[in-house]
Protein backbone atom coordinates (compact mmCIF):
# COMPACT_ATOMS: atom_id res chain seq x y z
CA MET A 1 88.59 67.32 73.91
CA THR A 2 86.28 66.06 76.58
CA PRO A 3 84.56 68.38 78.95
CA ARG A 4 86.38 66.90 81.92
CA THR A 5 89.74 67.57 80.27
CA ARG A 6 88.71 71.11 79.46
CA ILE A 7 87.60 71.80 82.99
CA LEU A 8 90.88 70.34 84.38
CA LEU A 9 92.96 72.58 82.07
CA ILE A 10 90.96 75.67 83.06
CA ALA A 11 91.42 74.73 86.74
CA LEU A 12 95.15 74.39 86.19
CA VAL A 13 95.37 77.82 84.61
CA ILE A 14 93.38 79.40 87.49
CA LEU A 15 95.51 77.62 90.12
CA ALA A 16 98.75 78.68 88.40
CA LEU A 17 97.55 82.28 88.20
CA ALA A 18 96.65 82.27 91.86
CA ALA A 19 100.05 80.94 92.80
CA VAL A 20 101.83 83.65 90.74
CA ALA A 21 99.64 86.29 92.44
CA ALA A 22 100.47 84.85 95.82
CA VAL A 23 104.23 84.91 95.10
CA CYS A 24 103.97 88.55 93.90
CA LEU A 25 102.00 89.67 96.97
CA HIS A 26 104.46 87.86 99.27
CA SER A 27 107.40 89.59 97.66
CA LEU A 28 105.60 92.97 97.95
CA GLU A 29 104.89 92.38 101.62
CA GLU A 30 108.53 91.35 102.20
CA ILE A 31 109.80 94.65 100.78
CA HIS A 32 107.30 96.59 102.96
CA TYR A 33 108.49 94.61 105.98
CA LEU A 34 112.13 95.52 105.20
CA LYS A 35 111.10 99.20 104.90
CA SER A 36 109.35 99.12 108.27
CA PHE A 37 112.17 97.16 109.99
CA PHE A 38 114.94 99.50 108.85
CA PRO A 39 113.17 102.88 108.50
CA HIS A 40 116.12 105.15 108.99
CA SER A 41 118.93 103.12 107.40
CA PHE A 42 117.02 101.85 104.31
CA SER A 43 118.36 104.00 101.51
CA VAL A 44 116.89 104.34 98.03
CA GLN A 45 119.74 102.25 96.59
CA GLU A 46 119.10 99.51 99.09
CA ALA A 47 115.38 99.58 98.35
CA PHE A 48 116.30 99.21 94.66
CA TYR A 49 118.48 96.17 95.38
CA ALA A 50 115.82 94.64 97.57
CA ALA A 51 113.23 95.13 94.85
CA ALA A 52 115.57 93.73 92.18
CA LEU A 53 116.27 90.62 94.33
CA GLU A 54 112.54 90.11 94.92
CA LEU A 55 111.93 90.47 91.15
CA ILE A 56 114.51 87.76 90.46
CA LYS A 57 112.87 85.46 93.02
CA VAL A 58 109.40 86.05 91.49
CA ILE A 59 110.74 85.29 87.94
CA ILE A 60 112.48 82.08 89.14
CA ILE A 61 109.33 80.87 90.92
CA ALA A 62 106.79 82.02 88.34
CA LEU A 63 108.60 80.75 85.21
CA PRO A 64 107.48 77.16 85.52
CA LEU A 65 103.91 78.30 86.38
CA VAL A 66 103.87 80.49 83.23
CA LEU A 67 105.00 77.50 81.25
CA VAL A 68 102.09 75.47 82.68
CA ILE A 69 99.72 78.23 81.79
CA ALA A 70 101.03 78.52 78.23
CA VAL A 71 100.75 74.68 77.68
CA CYS A 72 97.21 74.61 79.10
CA LEU A 73 96.11 77.56 76.98
CA PHE A 74 97.73 75.94 73.84
CA CYS A 75 95.82 72.74 74.51
CA LEU A 76 92.58 74.63 75.09
CA THR A 77 92.85 76.66 71.89
CA ARG A 78 93.91 73.81 69.68
CA ARG A 79 91.30 72.38 67.43
CA ARG A 80 90.91 68.83 66.30
CA ASP A 81 89.56 68.68 62.80
CA ARG A 82 89.39 64.94 62.67
């Protein structure tokens, strides 16, 4: 594997991890916004449903990024014995 390809794969892993972190932080901020917007009427059950919905959104968005990370890490750890 050439050094350029190795650097490209490492950069892709870092970018994908940054994107996953950004999605997680955005979901967390959205839950905090909902709690501040509806302070008196936001029950524990509604907070649970909001958190579950945000978790589903994070999983749907992060799944392709995790796949990219896995493929890049597989390519980085694969050895060519030829």
